[in-house]
Protein backbone atom coordinates (compact mmCIF):
# COMPACT_ATOMS: atom_id res chain seq x y z
CA UNK A 1 117.02 98.36 98.63
CA UNK A 2 118.43 97.75 95.15
CA UNK A 3 117.88 94.27 93.72
CA UNK A 4 120.45 92.83 91.30
CA UNK A 5 118.61 91.35 88.31
CA UNK A 6 121.65 90.58 86.14
CA UNK A 7 125.32 91.43 86.44
CA UNK A 8 127.06 91.39 83.07
CA UNK A 9 130.68 90.16 82.98
CA UNK A 10 131.62 91.55 86.43
CA UNK A 11 129.78 93.83 88.84
CA UNK A 12 131.18 94.81 92.25
CA UNK A 13 130.63 97.28 95.06
CA UNK A 14 133.46 99.83 95.25
CA UNK A 15 134.39 102.92 97.22
CA UNK A 16 137.80 104.61 97.45
CA UNK A 17 139.46 101.59 99.02
CA UNK A 18 141.45 100.55 102.11
CA UNK A 19 144.51 102.80 102.45
CA UNK A 20 146.91 102.24 105.30
CA UNK A 21 146.95 98.44 105.50
CA UNK A 22 149.67 97.56 102.98
CA UNK A 23 152.09 96.64 105.78
CA UNK A 24 149.62 93.88 106.68
CA UNK A 25 149.47 92.62 103.10
CA UNK A 26 146.04 94.20 102.43
CA UNK A 27 145.77 95.87 99.00
CA UNK A 28 144.35 99.36 98.64
CA UNK A 29 141.61 98.13 96.27
CA UNK A 30 138.66 100.49 95.63
CA UNK A 31 137.30 101.77 92.33
CA UNK A 32 139.70 101.10 89.46
CA UNK A 33 138.74 104.49 87.99
CA UNK A 34 138.49 106.51 91.21
CA UNK A 35 137.99 109.76 89.28
CA UNK A 36 134.80 108.41 87.70
CA UNK A 37 133.39 107.22 91.04
CA UNK A 38 134.17 110.57 92.69
CA UNK A 39 132.30 112.39 89.92
CA UNK A 40 129.26 110.10 90.15
CA UNK A 41 129.04 110.72 93.88
CA UNK A 42 129.35 114.49 93.50
CA UNK A 43 126.55 114.51 90.93
CA UNK A 44 124.06 113.04 93.42
CA UNK A 45 125.29 115.05 96.42
CA UNK A 46 127.18 112.21 98.13
CA UNK A 47 130.62 112.47 99.74
CA UNK A 48 133.18 111.46 97.10
CA UNK A 49 134.10 108.29 99.00
CA UNK A 50 130.59 106.83 99.21
CA UNK A 51 130.29 103.28 97.90
CA UNK A 52 128.78 102.73 94.48
CA UNK A 53 128.67 99.96 91.89
CA UNK A 54 131.40 99.23 89.32
CA UNK A 55 130.33 97.52 86.07
CA UNK A 56 132.76 95.86 83.67
CA UNK A 57 131.53 96.09 80.06
CA UNK A 58 127.98 96.90 81.15
CA UNK A 59 125.25 94.32 80.62
CA UNK A 60 123.79 94.67 84.14
CA UNK A 61 120.29 95.43 85.37
CA UNK A 62 119.20 96.68 88.81
CA UNK A 63 115.68 97.09 90.18
CA UNK A 64 115.07 99.94 92.61
CA UNK A 65 112.41 99.15 95.22
CA UNK A 66 112.20 102.81 96.28
CA UNK A 67 112.63 106.01 94.30
CA UNK A 68 116.19 107.30 94.14
CA UNK A 69 118.61 109.66 92.41
CA UNK A 70 121.50 108.07 90.54
CA UNK A 71 124.39 109.09 88.28
CA UNK A 72 126.42 106.92 85.91
CA UNK A 73 129.97 107.83 84.90
CA UNK A 74 133.10 106.21 83.47
CA UNK A 75 132.77 104.10 80.32
CA UNK A 76 129.68 105.49 78.52
CA UNK A 77 127.33 102.51 78.79
CA UNK A 78 123.86 103.10 77.32
CA UNK A 79 121.49 103.68 80.24
CA UNK A 80 117.75 102.91 80.36
CA UNK A 81 115.48 103.62 83.33
CA UNK A 82 112.05 102.03 83.09
CA UNK A 83 112.67 101.48 79.37
CA UNK A 84 113.57 105.13 78.64
CA UNK A 85 117.05 106.20 77.55
CA UNK A 86 119.08 108.56 79.78
CA UNK A 87 122.50 110.14 79.45
CA UNK A 88 125.69 109.54 81.42
CA UNK A 89 127.40 112.07 83.70
CA UNK A 90 124.06 113.47 84.79
CA UNK A 91 121.77 113.05 87.83
CA UNK A 92 118.78 110.85 86.96
CA UNK A 93 115.62 110.12 88.97
CA UNK A 94 114.58 106.49 89.31
CA UNK A 95 110.91 105.86 90.19
CA UNK A 96 110.10 103.15 92.72
CA UNK A 97 109.98 99.74 91.05
CA UNK A 98 111.88 100.85 87.93
CA UNK A 99 114.47 98.67 86.23
CA UNK A 100 117.81 100.36 85.50
CA UNK A 101 119.65 98.67 82.59
CA UNK A 102 123.17 99.11 81.25
CA UNK A 103 124.25 98.32 77.70
CA UNK A 104 127.72 97.70 76.28
CA UNK A 105 129.83 100.89 76.36
CA UNK A 106 131.18 102.04 73.00
CA UNK A 107 134.54 102.86 74.60
CA UNK A 108 136.24 102.20 77.90
CA UNK A 109 135.78 99.24 80.21
CA UNK A 110 134.33 100.26 83.59
CA UNK A 111 131.18 102.25 84.38
CA UNK A 112 130.13 103.52 87.82
CA UNK A 113 126.74 104.02 89.41
CA UNK A 114 126.32 106.24 92.45
CA UNK A 115 123.00 106.34 94.29
CA UNK A 116 122.11 109.23 96.57
CA UNK A 117 122.79 107.99 100.10
CA UNK A 118 125.44 105.51 98.97
CA UNK A 119 125.47 101.72 98.94
CA UNK A 120 125.77 100.68 102.59
CA UNK A 121 126.90 97.06 102.58
CA UNK A 122 128.96 96.07 105.61
CA UNK A 123 132.44 97.59 105.88
CA UNK A 124 135.57 95.43 106.10
CA UNK A 125 138.68 97.22 107.40
CA UNK A 126 136.99 100.56 106.86
CA UNK A 127 135.88 99.98 103.26
CA UNK A 128 132.93 98.48 101.39
CA UNK A 129 135.06 97.62 98.34
CA UNK A 130 135.24 94.18 96.76
CA UNK A 131 138.91 93.13 96.55
CA UNK A 132 139.33 90.33 94.00
CA UNK A 133 142.93 89.55 95.05
CA UNK A 134 142.48 89.16 98.81
CA UNK A 135 138.73 88.31 98.75
CA UNK A 136 137.98 91.07 101.27
CA UNK A 137 134.70 92.91 101.18
CA UNK A 138 131.45 91.71 99.58
CA UNK A 139 131.53 89.01 96.92
CA UNK A 140 131.09 90.07 93.29
CA UNK A 141 127.40 90.69 92.78
CA UNK A 142 125.08 88.01 91.45
CA UNK A 143 121.39 87.96 90.47
CA UNK A 144 119.16 88.12 93.53
CA UNK A 145 121.57 90.11 95.69
CA UNK A 146 120.09 93.12 97.47
CA UNK A 147 122.05 96.28 98.20
CA UNK A 148 121.01 98.58 101.05
CA UNK A 149 121.07 102.33 100.43
CA UNK A 150 121.88 104.91 103.10
CA UNK A 151 119.74 107.90 104.11
CA UNK A 152 119.88 111.02 101.96
CA UNK A 153 118.34 113.53 104.36
CA UNK A 154 121.63 115.16 105.45
CA UNK A 155 123.21 115.38 101.99
CA UNK A 156 123.71 118.50 99.90
CA UNK A 157 121.45 119.60 97.10
CA UNK A 158 121.72 118.25 93.57
CA UNK A 159 122.73 121.35 91.61
CA UNK A 160 124.30 120.07 88.35
CA UNK A 161 122.37 119.01 85.25
CA UNK A 162 125.30 117.39 83.45
CA UNK A 163 129.08 117.24 83.89
CA UNK A 164 131.22 117.85 80.77
CA UNK A 165 133.57 114.86 80.49
CA UNK A 166 136.05 114.36 77.62
CA UNK A 167 135.60 111.18 75.56
CA UNK A 168 137.75 108.14 76.30
CA UNK A 169 140.50 108.07 73.63
CA UNK A 170 140.81 105.13 71.24
CA UNK A 171 144.60 105.08 71.63
CA UNK A 172 145.51 106.47 75.05
CA UNK A 173 148.91 107.97 75.83
CA UNK A 174 149.95 107.09 79.38
CA UNK A 175 152.57 109.25 81.10
CA UNK A 176 155.23 107.48 83.14
CA UNK A 177 158.01 108.35 85.57
CA UNK A 178 161.17 106.19 85.25
CA UNK A 179 162.24 103.81 88.01
CA UNK A 180 162.59 102.79 90.73
CA UNK A 181 164.37 99.79 89.13
CA UNK A 182 165.26 101.32 85.77
CA UNK A 183 168.87 100.22 86.39
CA UNK A 184 167.84 96.55 86.13
CA UNK A 185 167.15 97.05 82.40
CA UNK A 186 169.26 97.67 79.34
CA UNK A 187 170.00 101.27 78.35
CA UNK A 188 167.49 101.19 75.51
CA UNK A 189 164.65 99.49 77.46
CA UNK A 190 163.01 102.73 78.57
CA UNK A 191 163.29 104.10 75.04
CA UNK A 192 161.62 100.93 73.73
CA UNK A 193 158.81 101.33 76.26
CA UNK A 194 158.14 104.95 75.30
CA UNK A 195 158.63 104.76 71.53
CA UNK A 196 156.64 101.67 70.47
CA UNK A 197 152.96 100.77 70.94
CA UNK A 198 151.75 98.02 73.28
CA UNK A 199 148.51 96.04 73.12
CA UNK A 200 146.24 95.14 76.05
CA UNK A 201 145.80 91.36 76.37
CA UNK A 202 142.64 89.48 77.44
CA UNK A 203 144.45 88.29 80.60
CA UNK A 204 143.95 91.72 82.19
CA UNK A 205 141.74 92.34 85.25
CA UNK A 206 141.42 94.58 88.32
CA UNK A 207 144.81 93.35 89.54
CA UNK A 208 146.74 94.40 86.48
CA UNK A 209 146.75 95.17 82.75
CA UNK A 210 148.95 92.69 80.87
CA UNK A 211 150.55 94.04 77.71
CA UNK A 212 151.93 92.54 74.51
CA UNK A 213 154.65 94.23 72.47
CA UNK A 214 158.43 94.54 72.35
CA UNK A 215 160.02 92.79 75.38
CA UNK A 216 162.07 95.00 77.70
CA UNK A 217 165.59 93.57 77.97
CA UNK A 218 167.23 93.13 81.37
CA UNK A 219 170.73 94.36 82.15
CA UNK A 220 170.99 92.28 85.33
CA UNK A 221 170.31 88.63 86.06
CA UNK A 222 169.19 87.15 89.35
CA UNK A 223 166.26 87.81 91.63
CA UNK A 224 165.12 91.02 93.26
CA UNK A 225 164.01 90.90 96.89
CA UNK A 226 160.30 91.59 97.30
CA UNK A 227 159.51 95.26 97.80
CA UNK A 228 156.47 97.48 98.11
CA UNK A 229 154.30 98.07 95.04
CA UNK A 230 152.07 101.01 94.15
CA UNK A 231 149.10 101.41 91.84
CA UNK A 232 150.40 102.27 88.37
CA UNK A 233 153.69 100.38 88.73
CA UNK A 234 154.95 98.79 85.49
CA UNK A 235 156.32 95.50 86.75
CA UNK A 236 158.31 93.43 84.26
CA UNK A 237 158.35 89.62 84.70
CA UNK A 238 160.96 87.37 82.97
CA UNK A 239 158.97 87.50 79.71
CA UNK A 240 159.97 91.18 79.40
CA UNK A 241 156.33 92.21 78.85
CA UNK A 242 155.16 94.86 81.34
CA UNK A 243 152.11 94.65 83.60
CA UNK A 244 150.36 97.82 84.81
CA UNK A 245 149.24 97.32 88.40
CA UNK A 246 145.66 98.44 89.10
CA UNK A 247 143.57 98.78 92.27
CA UNK A 248 143.68 95.15 93.46
CA UNK A 249 147.44 94.71 92.92
CA UNK A 250 149.55 92.85 95.53
CA UNK A 251 151.25 95.00 98.13
CA UNK A 252 154.71 93.56 97.35
CA UNK A 253 156.41 92.13 94.30
CA UNK A 254 159.72 90.60 93.31
CA UNK A 255 159.96 91.62 89.65
CA UNK A 256 161.66 94.94 88.83
CA UNK A 257 159.54 98.03 88.12
CA UNK A 258 160.90 99.98 85.15
CA UNK A 259 158.47 102.91 85.52
CA UNK A 260 155.32 104.10 87.30
CA UNK A 261 152.31 105.82 85.78
CA UNK A 262 151.88 109.48 86.64
CA UNK A 263 148.72 109.84 88.75
CA UNK A 264 146.64 111.61 86.03
CA UNK A 265 147.10 108.54 83.78
CA UNK A 266 145.64 106.05 86.28
CA UNK A 267 141.97 106.56 85.23
CA UNK A 268 142.90 105.96 81.57
CA UNK A 269 144.69 102.73 82.53
CA UNK A 270 141.58 101.55 84.40
CA UNK A 271 139.52 101.98 81.22
CA UNK A 272 141.78 99.93 78.90
CA UNK A 273 140.03 97.17 76.96
CA UNK A 274 141.55 93.92 75.60
CA UNK A 275 142.92 94.51 72.11
CA UNK A 276 143.39 98.25 72.63
CA UNK A 277 146.67 99.90 71.61
CA UNK A 278 148.42 102.27 74.00
CA UNK A 279 151.55 104.44 74.06
CA UNK A 280 153.78 105.42 76.96
CA UNK A 281 155.49 108.81 77.23
CA UNK A 282 157.91 110.17 79.79
């Protein structure tokens, strides 16, 4: 078992989510930065979809009541095991009884911990993920919670010392594909989106990243019938300021989507911090 000693701003259990239930109104959810969770699991020999722990801005501490192998990826939070410093993106051994502590990452927002054997809290609709929008899955973690860990006897060997991972950029450039409702905006709206910087606001969360910057002007009035939404959609409410939908986004929405992030840009969007400046490019 892993005991939660402290949680920092937000700590949740996450795997790769609940695909296939959008027609029932159930969001996909899962790790906001799925690439980072996949890497953490590979480093300790787990299947990529095993459940781990997602930390927002670090600050957490976990006590391991049995020895274990872990890996921490994503935002580079300082890591201490039993008081000793360890590096990210690398398998680390945790002795029984040791306290694993996470500091504030110098860049990025979300860090991921994988433990060999995976976190085995109860599944809901085929996933162990905490969904903040629909309240499915386990509650956000709090001090005193205990997380069960699965068996590691049938897993592959740990064969990597460290994974080379590029640093998180200070000013990310997110690639977008236009549409599907580009025609609801003025002719220069897409040019405005891709030629001027936007700033991440403090109102952002796992549902979406709210942005401040030049408003995107509409070419059409009226309301759009609700339609399906995908992770990475840039939905534009009446304010004209876009919102990037993340893992816990609603399955439908009634505001027009001017563009959608290209899949390789989704991990960068998940790591955006309030106050950070970003650029969009076609």
